[in-house]
Protein backbone atom coordinates (compact mmCIF):
# COMPACT_ATOMS: atom_id res chain seq x y z
CA UNK A 1 52.62 54.44 9.49
CA UNK A 2 51.12 51.06 10.46
CA UNK A 3 47.78 51.41 12.23
CA UNK A 4 47.08 48.12 14.06
CA UNK A 5 45.58 49.11 17.37
CA UNK A 6 44.75 46.17 19.58
CA UNK A 7 41.43 46.45 21.47
CA UNK A 8 40.42 44.64 24.61
CA UNK A 9 38.18 45.00 27.65
CA UNK A 10 41.07 44.70 30.15
CA UNK A 11 44.76 45.16 29.57
CA UNK A 12 46.94 43.37 32.15
CA UNK A 13 50.59 44.52 31.95
CA UNK A 14 52.66 41.77 33.73
CA UNK A 15 52.38 37.98 33.88
CA UNK A 16 53.37 36.86 37.38
CA UNK A 17 51.04 35.70 40.20
CA UNK A 18 49.06 38.86 40.43
CA UNK A 19 48.64 39.49 36.68
CA UNK A 20 47.70 35.93 35.70
CA UNK A 21 45.48 35.41 38.68
CA UNK A 22 43.43 38.49 37.66
CA UNK A 23 43.49 37.52 34.06
CA UNK A 24 41.96 34.08 34.75
CA UNK A 25 39.21 35.44 36.96
CA UNK A 26 38.28 38.30 34.62
CA UNK A 27 38.27 36.05 31.54
CA UNK A 28 34.92 34.72 32.72
CA UNK A 29 33.37 38.08 32.07
CA UNK A 30 35.54 39.91 29.53
CA UNK A 31 38.19 39.74 26.87
CA UNK A 32 41.54 40.14 28.52
CA UNK A 33 45.01 40.85 27.01
CA UNK A 34 48.13 40.04 28.91
CA UNK A 35 51.45 41.84 28.17
CA UNK A 36 54.61 40.04 29.12
CA UNK A 37 58.05 41.66 28.80
CA UNK A 38 59.78 38.20 28.39
CA UNK A 39 58.48 34.67 28.23
CA UNK A 40 55.19 34.43 30.05
CA UNK A 41 56.65 32.83 33.27
CA UNK A 42 59.70 34.87 33.48
CA UNK A 43 59.38 37.17 36.53
CA UNK A 44 59.87 37.25 40.30
CA UNK A 45 56.92 34.78 40.98
CA UNK A 46 58.71 31.96 39.18
CA UNK A 47 61.84 32.32 41.24
CA UNK A 48 60.10 32.58 44.67
CA UNK A 49 61.17 29.62 46.89
CA UNK A 50 59.68 30.00 50.27
CA UNK A 51 55.88 29.91 49.92
CA UNK A 52 52.60 31.74 50.59
CA UNK A 53 51.44 32.48 54.11
CA UNK A 54 47.92 31.72 55.36
CA UNK A 55 46.22 30.56 58.48
CA UNK A 56 45.74 26.88 58.03
CA UNK A 57 46.72 25.19 61.26
CA UNK A 58 44.38 24.71 64.20
CA UNK A 59 46.92 26.24 66.66
CA UNK A 60 47.27 29.41 64.46
CA UNK A 61 44.78 32.29 64.17
CA UNK A 62 43.88 35.16 61.99
CA UNK A 63 44.67 37.54 64.87
CA UNK A 64 48.14 36.11 65.20
CA UNK A 65 48.84 36.50 61.50
CA UNK A 66 47.57 40.09 61.69
CA UNK A 67 49.71 40.85 64.75
CA UNK A 68 52.86 39.40 63.25
CA UNK A 69 52.32 41.32 59.99
CA UNK A 70 51.78 44.63 61.75
CA UNK A 71 54.71 44.02 64.05
CA UNK A 72 57.08 43.38 61.23
CA UNK A 73 55.75 46.38 59.39
CA UNK A 74 57.12 48.66 62.08
CA UNK A 75 54.02 50.94 62.54
CA UNK A 76 53.25 51.61 58.89
CA UNK A 77 50.88 48.81 57.96
CA UNK A 78 47.19 49.76 57.31
CA UNK A 79 45.35 47.52 59.89
CA UNK A 80 42.26 47.33 57.77
CA UNK A 81 44.23 46.22 54.69
CA UNK A 82 46.16 43.68 56.78
CA UNK A 83 42.90 42.21 58.21
CA UNK A 84 41.40 42.22 54.72
CA UNK A 85 44.29 40.25 53.19
CA UNK A 86 44.69 37.75 56.09
CA UNK A 87 40.90 37.02 56.32
CA UNK A 88 40.85 36.30 52.61
CA UNK A 89 44.05 34.14 52.81
CA UNK A 90 42.36 30.74 53.04
CA UNK A 91 39.97 31.45 50.18
CA UNK A 92 42.89 32.46 48.00
CA UNK A 93 44.81 29.29 48.92
CA UNK A 94 41.75 27.18 48.07
CA UNK A 95 41.54 28.88 44.68
CA UNK A 96 45.12 28.02 43.85
CA UNK A 97 44.62 24.45 45.04
CA UNK A 98 41.46 24.13 42.83
CA UNK A 99 43.57 25.36 39.87
CA UNK A 100 45.99 22.47 40.45
CA UNK A 101 48.91 23.87 42.43
CA UNK A 102 50.49 20.88 44.19
CA UNK A 103 51.58 22.14 47.60
CA UNK A 104 53.67 19.79 49.74
CA UNK A 105 51.77 17.47 52.15
CA UNK A 106 52.95 15.49 55.14
CA UNK A 107 53.94 12.08 53.82
CA UNK A 108 52.16 10.28 56.74
CA UNK A 109 48.94 12.16 56.61
CA UNK A 110 47.37 10.29 53.69
CA UNK A 111 47.70 13.44 51.62
CA UNK A 112 45.31 15.27 53.84
CA UNK A 113 47.56 17.63 55.76
CA UNK A 114 49.80 20.32 54.25
CA UNK A 115 53.33 20.85 55.48
CA UNK A 116 53.89 24.40 56.69
CA UNK A 117 57.16 26.25 57.13
CA UNK A 118 57.87 29.00 59.69
CA UNK A 119 59.78 31.94 58.47
CA UNK A 120 61.08 35.21 59.91
CA UNK A 121 58.50 37.37 61.72
CA UNK A 122 55.93 34.49 61.94
CA UNK A 123 54.96 33.19 65.37
CA UNK A 124 53.52 29.96 63.90
CA UNK A 125 54.05 27.62 61.04
CA UNK A 126 51.84 29.16 58.28
CA UNK A 127 53.89 29.12 55.17
CA UNK A 128 52.43 26.79 52.59
CA UNK A 129 54.93 25.56 50.00
CA UNK A 130 55.73 23.37 47.10
CA UNK A 131 59.04 21.90 48.26
CA UNK A 132 61.47 24.86 47.81
CA UNK A 133 60.03 25.98 44.43
CA UNK A 134 56.71 27.45 45.42
CA UNK A 135 56.67 30.25 43.01
CA UNK A 136 57.61 27.93 40.07
CA UNK A 137 54.66 25.66 40.97
CA UNK A 138 52.21 28.51 41.18
CA UNK A 139 53.44 30.19 38.04
CA UNK A 140 53.45 27.04 35.99
CA UNK A 141 49.91 26.34 36.96
CA UNK A 142 48.71 29.83 36.26
CA UNK A 143 50.55 29.84 32.92
CA UNK A 144 49.01 26.52 31.84
CA UNK A 145 45.48 27.71 32.64
CA UNK A 146 46.04 31.04 31.02
CA UNK A 147 47.37 29.64 27.79
CA UNK A 148 44.34 27.32 27.58
CA UNK A 149 41.71 30.07 28.11
CA UNK A 150 39.99 31.22 24.93
CA UNK A 151 39.17 34.64 26.32
CA UNK A 152 42.84 35.61 27.06
CA UNK A 153 45.19 36.94 24.44
CA UNK A 154 48.90 36.78 25.27
CA UNK A 155 51.61 39.01 23.96
CA UNK A 156 55.09 37.88 25.08
CA UNK A 157 58.33 39.86 24.50
CA UNK A 158 56.36 43.03 24.56
CA UNK A 159 57.64 45.99 26.71
CA UNK A 160 55.18 48.68 27.89
CA UNK A 161 56.31 52.17 27.18
CA UNK A 162 53.76 54.54 28.60
CA UNK A 163 50.11 54.65 29.77
CA UNK A 164 47.68 56.50 27.55
CA UNK A 165 45.59 59.02 29.51
CA UNK A 166 42.59 60.84 27.91
CA UNK A 167 40.48 63.27 29.89
CA UNK A 168 41.83 61.85 33.19
CA UNK A 169 41.15 58.30 32.25
CA UNK A 170 43.54 55.47 31.36
CA UNK A 171 42.55 54.09 27.93
CA UNK A 172 45.52 51.78 27.26
CA UNK A 173 49.28 51.86 26.62
CA UNK A 174 52.01 52.21 24.12
CA UNK A 175 53.80 48.87 23.92
CA UNK A 176 57.19 48.11 22.20
CA UNK A 177 57.10 44.83 20.26
CA UNK A 178 60.73 43.49 20.84
CA UNK A 179 60.60 40.97 17.94
CA UNK A 180 59.24 43.39 15.32
CA UNK A 181 61.02 46.49 16.62
CA UNK A 182 57.97 48.72 16.56
CA UNK A 183 55.58 50.39 19.03
CA UNK A 184 51.86 49.39 18.97
CA UNK A 185 48.84 50.86 20.62
CA UNK A 186 46.92 48.67 23.03
CA UNK A 187 43.49 50.16 23.53
CA UNK A 188 41.49 49.11 26.59
CA UNK A 189 38.61 49.90 28.82
CA UNK A 190 40.54 49.06 31.97
CA UNK A 191 44.35 48.71 32.42
CA UNK A 192 46.05 46.86 35.24
CA UNK A 193 49.74 47.25 36.23
CA UNK A 194 51.12 43.89 37.58
CA UNK A 195 54.71 44.57 36.62
CA UNK A 196 56.45 43.62 39.84
CA UNK A 197 59.14 45.60 41.61
CA UNK A 198 62.45 47.49 40.96
CA UNK A 199 65.17 45.11 42.25
CA UNK A 200 67.36 45.74 39.28
CA UNK A 201 67.95 49.25 40.48
CA UNK A 202 70.62 47.60 42.64
CA UNK A 203 73.88 45.94 41.50
CA UNK A 204 73.06 42.81 43.56
CA UNK A 205 69.56 41.45 43.53
CA UNK A 206 67.65 38.21 43.67
CA UNK A 207 65.29 39.61 41.10
CA UNK A 208 65.30 38.47 37.38
CA UNK A 209 66.51 41.01 34.84
CA UNK A 210 63.04 42.28 33.94
CA UNK A 211 62.38 43.92 37.34
CA UNK A 212 63.19 47.39 36.34
CA UNK A 213 60.38 49.37 38.00
CA UNK A 214 58.46 49.79 34.78
CA UNK A 215 54.96 49.91 36.35
CA UNK A 216 56.03 52.38 39.04
CA UNK A 217 57.66 54.71 36.51
CA UNK A 218 54.63 54.50 34.08
CA UNK A 219 52.23 55.22 36.87
CA UNK A 220 54.31 58.17 38.06
CA UNK A 221 54.37 59.69 34.57
CA UNK A 222 50.63 59.14 34.33
CA UNK A 223 49.93 61.22 37.53
CA UNK A 224 49.71 58.50 40.32
CA UNK A 225 51.04 59.11 43.80
CA UNK A 226 53.88 56.83 44.90
CA UNK A 227 54.51 55.90 48.53
CA UNK A 228 57.24 54.46 50.72
CA UNK A 229 59.82 53.73 48.10
CA UNK A 230 62.57 54.01 50.67
CA UNK A 231 61.63 50.58 52.02
CA UNK A 232 63.50 48.23 49.78
CA UNK A 233 63.82 44.84 51.33
CA UNK A 234 67.22 43.12 51.12
CA UNK A 235 66.92 39.31 51.36
CA UNK A 236 69.58 38.34 53.99
CA UNK A 237 70.78 35.12 52.37
CA UNK A 238 71.74 34.96 48.64
CA UNK A 239 74.36 32.58 47.57
CA UNK A 240 77.74 34.30 47.32
CA UNK A 241 79.35 33.12 44.10
CA UNK A 242 80.44 35.07 41.14
CA UNK A 243 78.51 32.88 38.75
CA UNK A 244 75.41 32.46 40.86
CA UNK A 245 73.88 35.78 40.01
CA UNK A 246 72.62 36.15 43.63
CA UNK A 247 70.76 32.88 43.80
CA UNK A 248 68.39 33.16 46.75
CA UNK A 249 68.73 30.69 49.69
CA UNK A 250 65.17 30.51 51.01
CA UNK A 251 64.32 31.74 54.50
CA UNK A 252 62.70 28.43 55.01
CA UNK A 253 66.19 26.93 55.77
CA UNK A 254 66.44 29.22 58.77
CA UNK A 255 62.82 28.23 59.65
CA UNK A 256 63.99 24.59 59.75
CA UNK A 257 66.98 25.35 61.95
CA UNK A 258 69.77 26.72 59.75
CA UNK A 259 72.25 28.88 61.56
CA UNK A 260 74.03 32.07 60.41
CA UNK A 261 77.79 31.90 61.04
CA UNK A 262 80.79 34.20 61.03
CA UNK A 263 83.95 33.00 59.08
CA UNK A 264 85.24 31.54 62.38
CA UNK A 265 82.09 29.38 62.66
CA UNK A 266 80.51 31.30 65.53
CA UNK A 267 76.82 32.34 65.58
CA UNK A 268 75.98 36.04 65.85
CA UNK A 269 72.25 36.76 65.42
CA UNK A 270 71.38 36.50 69.15
CA UNK A 271 73.51 39.62 69.62
CA UNK A 272 71.06 41.51 67.49
CA UNK A 273 67.64 40.05 68.27
CA UNK A 274 66.33 37.45 70.73
CA UNK A 275 64.58 35.64 67.89
CA UNK A 276 68.04 35.00 66.34
CA UNK A 277 67.81 33.64 62.68
CA UNK A 278 64.02 33.98 62.69
CA UNK A 279 64.06 37.74 63.22
CA UNK A 280 62.41 39.83 60.45
CA UNK A 281 64.45 40.28 57.30
CA UNK A 282 65.41 43.88 57.93
CA UNK A 283 67.01 42.91 61.22
CA UNK A 284 68.82 40.00 59.84
CA UNK A 285 70.06 41.83 56.68
CA UNK A 286 71.47 44.74 58.87
CA UNK A 287 73.11 42.29 61.28
CA UNK A 288 74.88 40.56 58.37
CA UNK A 289 75.86 43.83 56.82
CA UNK A 290 77.20 45.05 60.17
CA UNK A 291 79.30 41.92 60.63
CA UNK A 292 80.75 41.95 57.20
CA UNK A 293 81.79 45.55 57.52
CA UNK A 294 83.19 45.01 61.07
CA UNK A 295 85.28 42.07 59.95
CA UNK A 296 86.03 43.24 56.43
CA UNK A 297 84.52 39.94 55.25
CA UNK A 298 82.99 39.42 51.76
CA UNK A 299 80.23 37.15 53.16
CA UNK A 300 78.91 35.20 56.17
CA UNK A 301 77.82 31.51 56.15
CA UNK A 302 74.48 29.59 56.41
CA UNK A 303 74.70 26.15 57.88
CA UNK A 304 71.92 23.44 57.92
CA UNK A 305 74.21 20.39 57.62
CA UNK A 306 73.28 19.31 61.19
CA UNK A 307 69.79 18.41 60.03
CA UNK A 308 70.79 15.37 58.09
CA UNK A 309 71.19 14.71 54.38
CA UNK A 310 67.75 13.05 53.64
CA UNK A 311 65.84 15.78 55.54
CA UNK A 312 67.72 18.50 53.62
CA UNK A 313 67.29 16.94 50.11
CA UNK A 314 63.63 16.16 50.75
CA UNK A 315 62.74 19.62 51.91
CA UNK A 316 65.09 21.73 49.74
CA UNK A 317 65.72 19.78 46.54
CA UNK A 318 66.16 22.91 44.27
CA UNK A 319 68.60 24.66 46.64
CA UNK A 320 70.59 21.51 47.17
CA UNK A 321 70.98 20.84 43.44
CA UNK A 322 71.80 24.53 42.68
CA UNK A 323 74.43 24.69 45.33
CA UNK A 324 75.92 21.42 44.20
CA UNK A 325 76.22 23.06 40.73
CA UNK A 326 78.36 25.78 42.30
CA UNK A 327 80.45 23.42 44.30
CA UNK A 328 78.72 23.60 47.71
CA UNK A 329 77.13 20.62 49.50
CA UNK A 330 74.69 21.99 51.99
CA UNK A 331 74.22 18.54 53.58
CA UNK A 332 77.93 18.64 54.60
CA UNK A 333 79.06 22.20 54.89
CA UNK A 334 77.98 25.81 55.47
CA UNK A 335 77.55 27.98 52.32
CA UNK A 336 78.61 31.56 51.81
CA UNK A 337 75.77 34.11 51.75
CA UNK A 338 75.27 37.88 51.39
CA UNK A 339 72.18 40.20 51.37
CA UNK A 340 70.80 41.29 48.07
CA UNK A 341 67.98 43.58 47.02
CA UNK A 342 64.81 41.52 46.98
CA UNK A 343 61.39 43.24 47.26
CA UNK A 344 60.07 46.79 46.73
CA UNK A 345 57.68 47.44 49.61
CA UNK A 346 56.57 50.82 48.29
CA UNK A 347 55.02 51.55 44.95
CA UNK A 348 51.77 52.85 43.38
CA UNK A 349 49.18 53.91 45.96
CA UNK A 350 46.08 51.69 45.71
CA UNK A 351 42.84 50.98 47.68
CA UNK A 352 41.50 47.55 48.56
CA UNK A 353 40.02 47.17 45.09
CA UNK A 354 43.45 47.85 43.43
CA UNK A 355 42.37 51.35 42.17
CA UNK A 356 44.99 54.02 41.63
CA UNK A 357 44.60 57.85 41.44
CA UNK A 358 43.81 57.52 37.72
CA UNK A 359 40.34 56.38 36.55
CA UNK A 360 40.34 52.95 35.00
CA UNK A 361 43.92 52.26 36.08
CA UNK A 362 44.68 49.53 38.65
CA UNK A 363 47.81 48.24 40.15
CA UNK A 364 48.33 44.91 42.10
CA UNK A 365 51.23 42.96 43.51
CA UNK A 366 54.72 44.28 44.07
CA UNK A 367 54.24 47.32 41.82
CA UNK A 368 51.68 48.63 44.32
CA UNK A 369 51.64 50.09 47.83
CA UNK A 370 48.52 48.66 49.36
CA UNK A 371 49.27 49.15 53.02
CA UNK A 372 49.98 45.52 53.77
CA UNK A 373 53.70 45.57 54.13
CA UNK A 374 54.38 48.85 55.90
CA UNK A 375 58.02 49.55 56.50
CA UNK A 376 59.09 45.73 56.10
CA UNK A 377 57.40 42.91 54.37
CA UNK A 378 56.85 39.75 56.47
CA UNK A 379 58.13 36.64 54.69
CA UNK A 380 55.69 34.98 52.19
CA UNK A 381 52.99 37.69 52.49
CA UNK A 382 53.73 38.83 48.90
CA UNK A 383 52.26 35.94 47.05
CA UNK A 384 49.26 36.09 49.30
CA UNK A 385 48.78 39.82 48.50
CA UNK A 386 48.98 39.01 44.78
CA UNK A 387 46.09 36.49 44.82
CA UNK A 388 43.87 38.37 47.30
CA UNK A 389 44.03 41.65 45.41
CA UNK A 390 43.56 39.84 42.02
CA UNK A 391 40.18 38.65 43.46
CA UNK A 392 39.22 42.04 44.79
CA UNK A 393 40.30 43.96 41.61
CA UNK A 394 38.44 41.42 39.44
CA UNK A 395 35.19 42.17 41.43
CA UNK A 396 35.64 45.95 41.05
CA UNK A 397 36.28 45.78 37.27
CA UNK A 398 33.43 43.31 36.76
CA UNK A 399 31.02 45.77 38.48
CA UNK A 400 32.03 48.52 36.01
CA UNK A 401 32.15 46.59 32.78
CA UNK A 402 28.81 47.75 31.58
CA UNK A 403 29.41 51.33 32.50
CA UNK A 404 32.76 51.91 30.76
CA UNK A 405 32.73 52.30 26.96
CA UNK A 406 35.58 51.26 24.71
CA UNK A 407 37.94 54.23 23.93
CA UNK A 408 37.91 55.75 20.51
CA UNK A 409 40.97 55.15 18.24
CA UNK A 410 44.06 56.48 19.79
CA UNK A 411 47.00 58.43 18.28
CA UNK A 412 49.73 56.16 16.99
CA UNK A 413 53.28 56.33 18.43
CA UNK A 414 55.19 59.10 16.67
CA UNK A 415 58.88 58.62 15.89
CA UNK A 416 59.12 60.88 12.92
CA UNK A 417 61.61 63.20 14.67
CA UNK A 418 64.06 60.63 15.90
CA UNK A 419 66.93 58.72 14.40
CA UNK A 420 68.85 55.50 14.94
CA UNK A 421 71.46 55.84 17.66
CA UNK A 422 75.20 55.24 16.97
CA UNK A 423 76.07 55.49 20.68
CA UNK A 424 74.47 52.46 22.39
CA UNK A 425 77.44 52.58 24.85
CA UNK A 426 75.64 55.48 26.54
CA UNK A 427 72.83 53.18 27.54
CA UNK A 428 74.89 50.35 28.86
CA UNK A 429 77.27 52.76 30.80
CA UNK A 430 74.43 54.64 32.42
CA UNK A 431 72.65 51.42 33.34
CA UNK A 432 75.73 50.09 35.10
CA UNK A 433 76.36 53.45 36.81
CA UNK A 434 72.81 53.74 38.27
CA UNK A 435 73.06 50.22 39.76
CA UNK A 436 76.50 50.70 41.30
CA UNK A 437 75.84 54.02 43.02
CA UNK A 438 72.46 52.80 44.24
CA UNK A 439 74.24 49.87 45.92
CA UNK A 440 77.00 52.04 47.32
CA UNK A 441 74.87 55.01 48.54
CA UNK A 442 71.30 53.78 48.96
CA UNK A 443 71.78 50.31 50.31
CA UNK A 444 71.09 48.58 53.69
CA UNK A 445 72.70 51.33 55.68
CA UNK A 446 72.24 54.99 54.67
CA UNK A 447 73.50 58.54 55.39
CA UNK A 448 72.31 61.92 54.24
CA UNK A 449 75.77 62.47 52.59
CA UNK A 450 75.46 59.23 50.59
CA UNK A 451 71.95 60.00 49.59
CA UNK A 452 72.83 63.56 48.40
CA UNK A 453 75.59 62.13 46.32
CA UNK A 454 73.10 59.67 44.80
CA UNK A 455 70.62 62.47 44.21
CA UNK A 456 73.16 64.57 42.35
CA UNK A 457 74.24 61.60 40.19
CA UNK A 458 70.70 60.54 39.36
CA UNK A 459 69.76 64.07 38.28
CA UNK A 460 72.70 64.27 35.84
CA UNK A 461 71.94 60.77 34.43
CA UNK A 462 68.19 61.50 34.02
CA UNK A 463 69.02 64.66 32.11
CA UNK A 464 71.28 62.58 29.76
CA UNK A 465 68.79 59.79 29.46
CA UNK A 466 65.95 62.26 28.75
CA UNK A 467 68.01 63.80 25.95
CA UNK A 468 68.91 60.52 24.51
CA UNK A 469 65.27 59.22 24.67
CA UNK A 470 64.04 62.36 22.81
CA UNK A 471 66.53 62.03 19.97
CA UNK A 472 66.79 58.30 19.15
CA UNK A 473 64.61 55.44 18.38
CA UNK A 474 63.74 53.43 21.41
CA UNK A 475 64.73 49.82 22.12
CA UNK A 476 64.22 47.55 25.18
CA UNK A 477 67.44 48.59 26.97
CA UNK A 478 66.58 52.36 26.63
CA UNK A 479 63.02 51.78 27.89
CA UNK A 480 64.30 49.89 30.94
CA UNK A 481 67.03 52.43 31.65
CA UNK A 482 64.48 55.30 31.51
CA UNK A 483 62.26 53.47 34.07
CA UNK A 484 65.15 52.29 36.24
CA UNK A 485 66.56 55.77 36.63
CA UNK A 486 63.14 57.12 37.58
CA UNK A 487 62.66 54.31 40.11
CA UNK A 488 66.00 55.03 41.51
CA UNK A 489 65.10 58.75 41.88
CA UNK A 490 61.88 57.99 43.69
CA UNK A 491 63.81 55.62 46.13
CA UNK A 492 66.43 58.32 46.84
CA UNK A 493 63.90 61.14 47.30
CA UNK A 494 61.78 59.04 49.69
CA UNK A 495 64.91 58.04 51.70
CA UNK A 496 65.92 61.69 52.00
CA UNK A 497 62.54 62.68 53.33
CA UNK A 498 62.43 60.09 56.14
CA UNK A 499 64.43 61.64 59.03
CA UNK A 500 64.39 58.48 61.16
CA UNK A 501 65.27 54.85 61.02
CA UNK A 502 62.30 52.56 60.54
CA UNK A 503 62.03 49.00 59.14
CA UNK A 504 64.05 48.68 56.01
CA UNK A 505 65.22 52.30 56.02
CA UNK A 506 68.21 52.61 58.37
CA UNK A 507 70.09 55.89 58.53
CA UNK A 508 73.29 56.51 60.65
CA UNK A 509 72.29 60.12 60.87
CA UNK A 510 68.91 59.24 62.42
CA UNK A 511 69.39 55.84 64.05
CA UNK A 512 66.14 55.69 66.12
CA UNK A 513 62.52 55.63 65.07
CA UNK A 514 60.38 58.63 65.76
CA UNK A 515 57.71 56.93 67.86
CA UNK A 516 55.59 60.15 67.70
CA UNK A 517 55.11 59.53 64.05
CA UNK A 518 53.54 56.06 63.64
CA UNK A 519 51.75 55.46 60.43
CA UNK A 520 53.22 58.32 58.54
CA UNK A 521 53.94 57.18 55.01
CA UNK A 522 56.31 58.86 52.54
CA UNK A 523 54.00 60.00 49.73
CA UNK A 524 55.46 61.50 46.53
CA UNK A 525 53.06 63.39 44.06
CA UNK A 526 53.87 63.96 40.45
CA UNK A 527 54.50 67.59 39.52
């Protein structure tokens, strides 16, 4: 058995905006290891189009951003956390700018004034962006800085299996090396989950393939509480095309005047909300879902062609080029769109320093439930959360560096009792089945009957997956399926427990919110 334990001060699992922001800040004080399941930049951050929200305009205010966030969160936001994030927004933006992120500026301002979008739920223009590829600009900058830092060690194409807990403390993780097909021990004084969400639980999603709920599942198995998993945000407008793989059409289009249309060309959003196309995402996604089911239509349409070709190409070059690739010219015609799973608002319960229930284990970004998003995330608050919590978590770990000793040598991964599988079709079949029944039974609109069907199916599948996992050598697909099925189970159980409709959770059996229960989270406890 090969004994090649890797030691570091801090193990960061995940390489998106939260993970790399934290790694860069911690690297001034400690040796940091970053685990990435694919290429370093492959993750939800890279594909984020819209932007990052912060109070930057003189007519805007911290109080307005707080009010908008809490209003969008439908009574479940933690006001102290919302204020903490919003008040630290400008500092986080300045840090990104200092790193070299090239946000879009007004062409006639001499490069002094940033252009700001307005998106759903926001009462002001406060979404800073880099054209329509903000996530790409942020991720590329963070990646470049990370690769150049001598105190950061990178392990790409490594998939985390399980956290290692000793005497109630997290001391590292078992990690599967995809290229060498073996499991290694990563030994650390502190471990940070920055693995993103669980969008791949659903058949249709804007998320990249790696978003399989790994961090949420690992934290649950390690003993962490999980909250509000029923609140899965469906982005209202993903391109409807069989080859597009749910390419997201940024909410910023609607912020710049794009209209949602039925197949007959008529607008419909005003019937559902006075804010029309700029209503929060849960409202818009449900409205689209309602109209598609009412009409038996496969999609609705998004039209910004009235804004003029130069304006559209200048503001949305990536979306324009991608739509052209699939045969749609957004400067001349409306494009077909559908909702798709986009963001996991629930996750691992943390405090304002990113600390979980387990000693020396932190979680930041979409994997976490910080109290910022409540029952519905406001557009472009997610990238802000990533950077703000990276700063606060860095400070907390830095304060403890001298007080936490390096763990002793840890047991190696034992696969002496397993064999190679000759039934890989079991993994692919179960993977497909989970995603299909989650889409059919635990989607935008739910019922108790549908949820019970899903609960029955996930129990049978988890038993099958557990048996398979115990008997055969692991591979990347099996690791992801194990985590995906657990994330699905947590979503289903959380949805069954909420006997009301609130935010992103809408039930035909309980169509109204219980106003007597504001601020009551759905908290699941292992065991």
